[in-house]
PDB file of N, CA and C in Angstrom:
ATOM      1  N   MET A   1     -12.002  -2.196 -21.342  1.00  0.00           N
ATOM      2  CA  MET A   1     -10.693  -1.660 -21.015  1.00  0.00           C
ATOM      3  C   MET A   1      -9.575  -2.460 -21.999  1.00  0.00           C
ATOM      4  N   ASP A   2      -8.858  -1.951 -22.734  1.00  0.00           N
ATOM      5  CA  ASP A   2      -7.947  -2.528 -23.389  1.00  0.00           C
ATOM      6  C   ASP A   2      -6.694  -2.816 -22.397  1.00  0.00           C
ATOM      7  N   PHE A   3      -5.986  -4.018 -22.680  1.00  0.00           N
ATOM      8  CA  PHE A   3      -5.116  -4.283 -21.672  1.00  0.00           C
ATOM      9  C   PHE A   3      -3.804  -4.862 -22.686  1.00  0.00           C
ATOM     10  N   VAL A   4      -3.992  -5.233 -23.918  1.00  0.00           N
ATOM     11  CA  VAL A   4      -2.914  -5.291 -24.962  1.00  0.00           C
ATOM     12  C   VAL A   4      -3.116  -4.784 -26.136  1.00  0.00           C
ATOM     13  N   THR A   5      -2.259  -3.901 -26.588  1.00  0.00           N
ATOM     14  CA  THR A   5      -2.595  -3.124 -27.837  1.00  0.00           C
ATOM     15  C   THR A   5      -1.181  -3.011 -28.432  1.00  0.00           C
ATOM     16  N   GLY A   6      -1.290  -2.305 -29.657  1.00  0.00           N
ATOM     17  CA  GLY A   6      -0.094  -2.224 -30.536  1.00  0.00           C
ATOM     18  C   GLY A   6       0.325  -2.995 -31.632  1.00  0.00           C
ATOM     19  N   PHE A   7      -0.793  -3.865 -31.855  1.00  0.00           N
ATOM     20  CA  PHE A   7      -0.580  -4.688 -33.158  1.00  0.00           C
ATOM     21  C   PHE A   7      -0.872  -4.177 -34.322  1.00  0.00           C
ATOM     22  N   LEU A   8      -1.296  -2.684 -34.269  1.00  0.00           N
ATOM     23  CA  LEU A   8      -1.559  -1.992 -35.453  1.00  0.00           C
ATOM     24  C   LEU A   8      -0.701  -0.661 -35.518  1.00  0.00           C
ATOM     25  N   ASN A   9      -0.236  -0.145 -36.486  1.00  0.00           N
ATOM     26  CA  ASN A   9       0.392   1.214 -36.434  1.00  0.00           C
ATOM     27  C   ASN A   9      -0.567   2.100 -36.641  1.00  0.00           C
ATOM     28  N   ASP A  10      -0.149   3.380 -36.671  1.00  0.00           N
ATOM     29  CA  ASP A  10      -1.031   4.510 -36.731  1.00  0.00           C
ATOM     30  C   ASP A  10      -1.945   4.494 -38.196  1.00  0.00           C
ATOM     31  N   ASP A  11      -1.418   3.722 -39.333  1.00  0.00           N
ATOM     32  CA  ASP A  11      -2.056   3.672 -40.371  1.00  0.00           C
ATOM     33  C   ASP A  11      -2.910   2.486 -40.550  1.00  0.00           C
ATOM     34  N   ASP A  12      -3.199   1.704 -39.400  1.00  0.00           N
ATOM     35  CA  ASP A  12      -3.998   0.547 -39.432  1.00  0.00           C
ATOM     36  C   ASP A  12      -3.409  -0.507 -40.155  1.00  0.00           C
ATOM     37  N   GLU A  13      -1.875  -0.661 -40.136  1.00  0.00           N
ATOM     38  CA  GLU A  13      -1.185  -1.699 -40.883  1.00  0.00           C
ATOM     39  C   GLU A  13      -0.906  -2.852 -39.618  1.00  0.00           C
ATOM     40  N   ALA A  14      -0.819  -4.105 -39.956  1.00  0.00           N
ATOM     41  CA  ALA A  14      -0.395  -4.817 -38.907  1.00  0.00           C
ATOM     42  C   ALA A  14       1.253  -4.792 -38.503  1.00  0.00           C
ATOM     43  N   ARG A  15       1.441  -4.566 -37.379  1.00  0.00           N
ATOM     44  CA  ARG A  15       2.809  -4.622 -36.707  1.00  0.00           C
ATOM     45  C   ARG A  15       3.066  -6.098 -35.922  1.00  0.00           C
ATOM     46  N   GLY A  16       1.869  -6.773 -35.909  1.00  0.00           N
ATOM     47  CA  GLY A  16       1.948  -8.290 -35.150  1.00  0.00           C
ATOM     48  C   GLY A  16       0.542  -8.977 -35.484  1.00  0.00           C
ATOM     49  N   ARG A  17       0.782 -10.147 -35.477  1.00  0.00           N
ATOM     50  CA  ARG A  17      -0.473 -11.031 -35.867  1.00  0.00           C
ATOM     51  C   ARG A  17      -0.583 -12.072 -34.693  1.00  0.00           C
ATOM     52  N   PRO A  18      -1.488 -11.545 -33.631  1.00  0.00           N
ATOM     53  CA  PRO A  18      -1.679 -12.680 -32.492  1.00  0.00           C
ATOM     54  C   PRO A  18      -2.423 -13.946 -33.042  1.00  0.00           C
ATOM     55  N   VAL A  19      -1.991 -14.950 -32.826  1.00  0.00           N
ATOM     56  CA  VAL A  19      -2.623 -16.299 -33.457  1.00  0.00           C
ATOM     57  C   VAL A  19      -3.027 -17.248 -32.242  1.00  0.00           C
ATOM     58  N   GLY A  20      -2.571 -17.136 -31.035  1.00  0.00           N
ATOM     59  CA  GLY A  20      -2.889 -18.091 -30.155  1.00  0.00           C
ATOM     60  C   GLY A  20      -2.807 -17.529 -28.666  1.00  0.00           C
ATOM     61  N   VAL A  21      -3.583 -17.762 -27.705  1.00  0.00           N
ATOM     62  CA  VAL A  21      -3.365 -17.308 -26.259  1.00  0.00           C
ATOM     63  C   VAL A  21      -3.366 -18.416 -25.426  1.00  0.00           C
ATOM     64  N   LEU A  22      -2.855 -18.172 -24.346  1.00  0.00           N
ATOM     65  CA  LEU A  22      -2.671 -19.302 -23.138  1.00  0.00           C
ATOM     66  C   LEU A  22      -2.638 -18.541 -21.801  1.00  0.00           C
ATOM     67  N   PHE A  23      -3.425 -18.828 -20.899  1.00  0.00           N
ATOM     68  CA  PHE A  23      -3.394 -18.435 -19.659  1.00  0.00           C
ATOM     69  C   PHE A  23      -2.874 -19.309 -18.604  1.00  0.00           C
ATOM     70  N   ASP A  24      -1.922 -18.874 -17.821  1.00  0.00           N
ATOM     71  CA  ASP A  24      -1.230 -19.625 -16.679  1.00  0.00           C
ATOM     72  C   ASP A  24      -1.932 -19.005 -15.184  1.00  0.00           C
ATOM     73  N   PRO A  25      -2.803 -19.963 -15.082  1.00  0.00           N
ATOM     74  CA  PRO A  25      -3.693 -19.458 -13.714  1.00  0.00           C
ATOM     75  C   PRO A  25      -2.803 -19.140 -12.237  1.00  0.00           C
ATOM     76  N   ARG A  26      -1.602 -20.031 -12.146  1.00  0.00           N
ATOM     77  CA  ARG A  26      -0.744 -19.980 -11.211  1.00  0.00           C
ATOM     78  C   ARG A  26      -0.046 -18.612 -11.190  1.00  0.00           C
ATOM     79  N   THR A  27       0.487 -18.096 -12.255  1.00  0.00           N
ATOM     80  CA  THR A  27       1.149 -16.792 -12.140  1.00  0.00           C
ATOM     81  C   THR A  27       0.287 -15.678 -12.671  1.00  0.00           C
ATOM     82  N   ARG A  28      -1.084 -16.139 -13.204  1.00  0.00           N
ATOM     83  CA  ARG A  28      -1.828 -15.093 -13.632  1.00  0.00           C
ATOM     84  C   ARG A  28      -1.418 -14.361 -15.056  1.00  0.00           C
ATOM     85  N   ALA A  29      -0.519 -15.121 -15.677  1.00  0.00           N
ATOM     86  CA  ALA A  29       0.033 -14.393 -16.954  1.00  0.00           C
ATOM     87  C   ALA A  29      -0.689 -14.876 -18.286  1.00  0.00           C
ATOM     88  N   LEU A  30      -0.674 -14.158 -19.210  1.00  0.00           N
ATOM     89  CA  LEU A  30      -1.227 -14.470 -20.359  1.00  0.00           C
ATOM     90  C   LEU A  30      -0.195 -14.387 -21.286  1.00  0.00           C
ATOM     91  N   PHE A  31      -0.089 -15.445 -22.234  1.00  0.00           N
ATOM     92  CA  PHE A  31       0.905 -15.617 -23.213  1.00  0.00           C
ATOM     93  C   PHE A  31       0.393 -15.603 -24.692  1.00  0.00           C
ATOM     94  N   ILE A  32       0.727 -14.559 -25.397  1.00  0.00           N
ATOM     95  CA  ILE A  32       0.097 -14.439 -26.765  1.00  0.00           C
ATOM     96  C   ILE A  32       1.173 -14.885 -27.933  1.00  0.00           C
ATOM     97  N   ALA A  33       1.022 -15.556 -28.711  1.00  0.00           N
ATOM     98  CA  ALA A  33       1.699 -16.037 -29.837  1.00  0.00           C
ATOM     99  C   ALA A  33       1.567 -15.092 -30.878  1.00  0.00           C
ATOM    100  N   ASP A  34       2.753 -14.509 -31.446  1.00  0.00           N
ATOM    101  CA  ASP A  34       2.641 -13.440 -32.572  1.00  0.00           C
ATOM    102  C   ASP A  34       3.236 -14.179 -33.849  1.00  0.00           C
ATOM    103  N   ASP A  35       2.573 -14.622 -34.603  1.00  0.00           N
ATOM    104  CA  ASP A  35       2.746 -15.234 -35.992  1.00  0.00           C
ATOM    105  C   ASP A  35       4.027 -14.338 -36.829  1.00  0.00           C
ATOM    106  N   MET A  36       3.486 -12.950 -36.790  1.00  0.00           N
ATOM    107  CA  MET A  36       4.272 -12.052 -37.819  1.00  0.00           C
ATOM    108  C   MET A  36       5.801 -11.787 -37.050  1.00  0.00           C
ATOM    109  N   ALA A  37       5.891 -11.541 -35.804  1.00  0.00           N
ATOM    110  CA  ALA A  37       7.028 -11.181 -35.120  1.00  0.00           C
ATOM    111  C   ALA A  37       7.786 -12.348 -34.917  1.00  0.00           C
ATOM    112  N   ASN A  38       7.169 -13.509 -34.798  1.00  0.00           N
ATOM    113  CA  ASN A  38       7.785 -14.866 -34.532  1.00  0.00           C
ATOM    114  C   ASN A  38       8.259 -14.673 -32.856  1.00  0.00           C
ATOM    115  N   VAL A  39       7.378 -14.310 -32.158  1.00  0.00           N
ATOM    116  CA  VAL A  39       7.710 -14.275 -30.663  1.00  0.00           C
ATOM    117  C   VAL A  39       6.337 -14.746 -29.836  1.00  0.00           C
ATOM    118  N   VAL A  40       6.708 -14.878 -28.382  1.00  0.00           N
ATOM    119  CA  VAL A  40       5.621 -14.976 -27.533  1.00  0.00           C
ATOM    120  C   VAL A  40       5.455 -13.984 -26.509  1.00  0.00           C
ATOM    121  N   TRP A  41       4.654 -13.330 -26.419  1.00  0.00           N
ATOM    122  CA  TRP A  41       4.332 -12.125 -25.481  1.00  0.00           C
ATOM    123  C   TRP A  41       3.914 -12.726 -24.190  1.00  0.00           C
ATOM    124  N   ARG A  42       4.450 -12.206 -23.080  1.00  0.00           N
ATOM    125  CA  ARG A  42       3.966 -12.563 -21.797  1.00  0.00           C
ATOM    126  C   ARG A  42       3.433 -11.384 -21.103  1.00  0.00           C
ATOM    127  N   VAL A  43       2.093 -11.195 -20.765  1.00  0.00           N
ATOM    128  CA  VAL A  43       1.554 -10.210 -20.176  1.00  0.00           C
ATOM    129  C   VAL A  43       1.020 -10.689 -18.763  1.00  0.00           C
ATOM    130  N   ALA A  44       1.626  -9.955 -17.687  1.00  0.00           N
ATOM    131  CA  ALA A  44       1.477 -10.325 -16.369  1.00  0.00           C
ATOM    132  C   ALA A  44       1.085  -9.219 -15.465  1.00  0.00           C
ATOM    133  N   PRO A  45       0.334  -9.507 -14.376  1.00  0.00           N
ATOM    134  CA  PRO A  45      -0.046  -8.267 -13.654  1.00  0.00           C
ATOM    135  C   PRO A  45       1.025  -7.792 -12.811  1.00  0.00           C
ATOM    136  N   THR A  46       1.037  -6.517 -12.569  1.00  0.00           N
ATOM    137  CA  THR A  46       2.305  -6.049 -11.877  1.00  0.00           C
ATOM    138  C   THR A  46       1.764  -5.971 -10.294  1.00  0.00           C
ATOM    139  N   ALA A  47       2.710  -6.055  -9.418  1.00  0.00           N
ATOM    140  CA  ALA A  47       2.307  -6.001  -7.978  1.00  0.00           C
ATOM    141  C   ALA A  47       2.058  -4.672  -7.433  1.00  0.00           C
ATOM    142  N   SER A  48       1.112  -4.409  -6.905  1.00  0.00           N
ATOM    143  CA  SER A  48       0.832  -2.939  -6.264  1.00  0.00           C
ATOM    144  C   SER A  48       0.673  -3.205  -4.719  1.00  0.00           C
ATOM    145  N   ARG A  49       0.628  -1.973  -4.199  1.00  0.00           N
ATOM    146  CA  ARG A  49       0.478  -1.894  -2.736  1.00  0.00           C
ATOM    147  C   ARG A  49      -0.835  -2.682  -2.149  1.00  0.00           C
ATOM    148  N   GLY A  50      -0.758  -3.587  -1.268  1.00  0.00           N
ATOM    149  CA  GLY A  50      -1.715  -4.321  -0.882  1.00  0.00           C
ATOM    150  C   GLY A  50      -2.326  -5.434  -1.619  1.00  0.00           C
ATOM    151  N   SER A  51      -1.642  -5.791  -2.697  1.00  0.00           N
ATOM    152  CA  SER A  51      -1.905  -6.972  -3.367  1.00  0.00           C
ATOM    153  C   SER A  51      -1.424  -8.220  -2.898  1.00  0.00           C
ATOM    154  N   GLN A  52      -2.058  -9.317  -3.171  1.00  0.00           N
ATOM    155  CA  GLN A  52      -1.482 -10.616  -2.882  1.00  0.00           C
ATOM    156  C   GLN A  52      -0.776 -11.284  -3.985  1.00  0.00           C
ATOM    157  N   SER A  53       0.241 -12.181  -3.541  1.00  0.00           N
ATOM    158  CA  SER A  53       1.034 -12.995  -4.654  1.00  0.00           C
ATOM    159  C   SER A  53       0.066 -14.239  -4.809  1.00  0.00           C
ATOM    160  N   PRO A  54       0.375 -14.790  -6.010  1.00  0.00           N
ATOM    161  CA  PRO A  54      -0.328 -15.767  -6.553  1.00  0.00           C
ATOM    162  C   PRO A  54      -0.265 -16.966  -5.416  1.00  0.00           C
ATOM    163  N   ARG A  55      -1.203 -17.969  -5.431  1.00  0.00           N
ATOM    164  CA  ARG A  55      -1.169 -19.135  -4.586  1.00  0.00           C
ATOM    165  C   ARG A  55      -0.508 -20.054  -5.142  1.00  0.00           C
ATOM    166  N   GLU A  56       0.312 -20.827  -4.420  1.00  0.00           N
ATOM    167  CA  GLU A  56       1.139 -22.090  -4.721  1.00  0.00           C
ATOM    168  C   GLU A  56      -0.052 -23.139  -5.070  1.00  0.00           C
TER     169      GLU A  56
END
């Protein structure tokens, strides 16, 4: 299952270049450093009905 996409456009040309990842177990977020866009993306789970919040 893909959960992070969009680094290539429809012509398979790079729109981003992920160069590093870091996982924060407290918030369950994944940080992705994008060298091409010069940004850090934060990917985190969304709360759903019946879900538990992260433990402190």
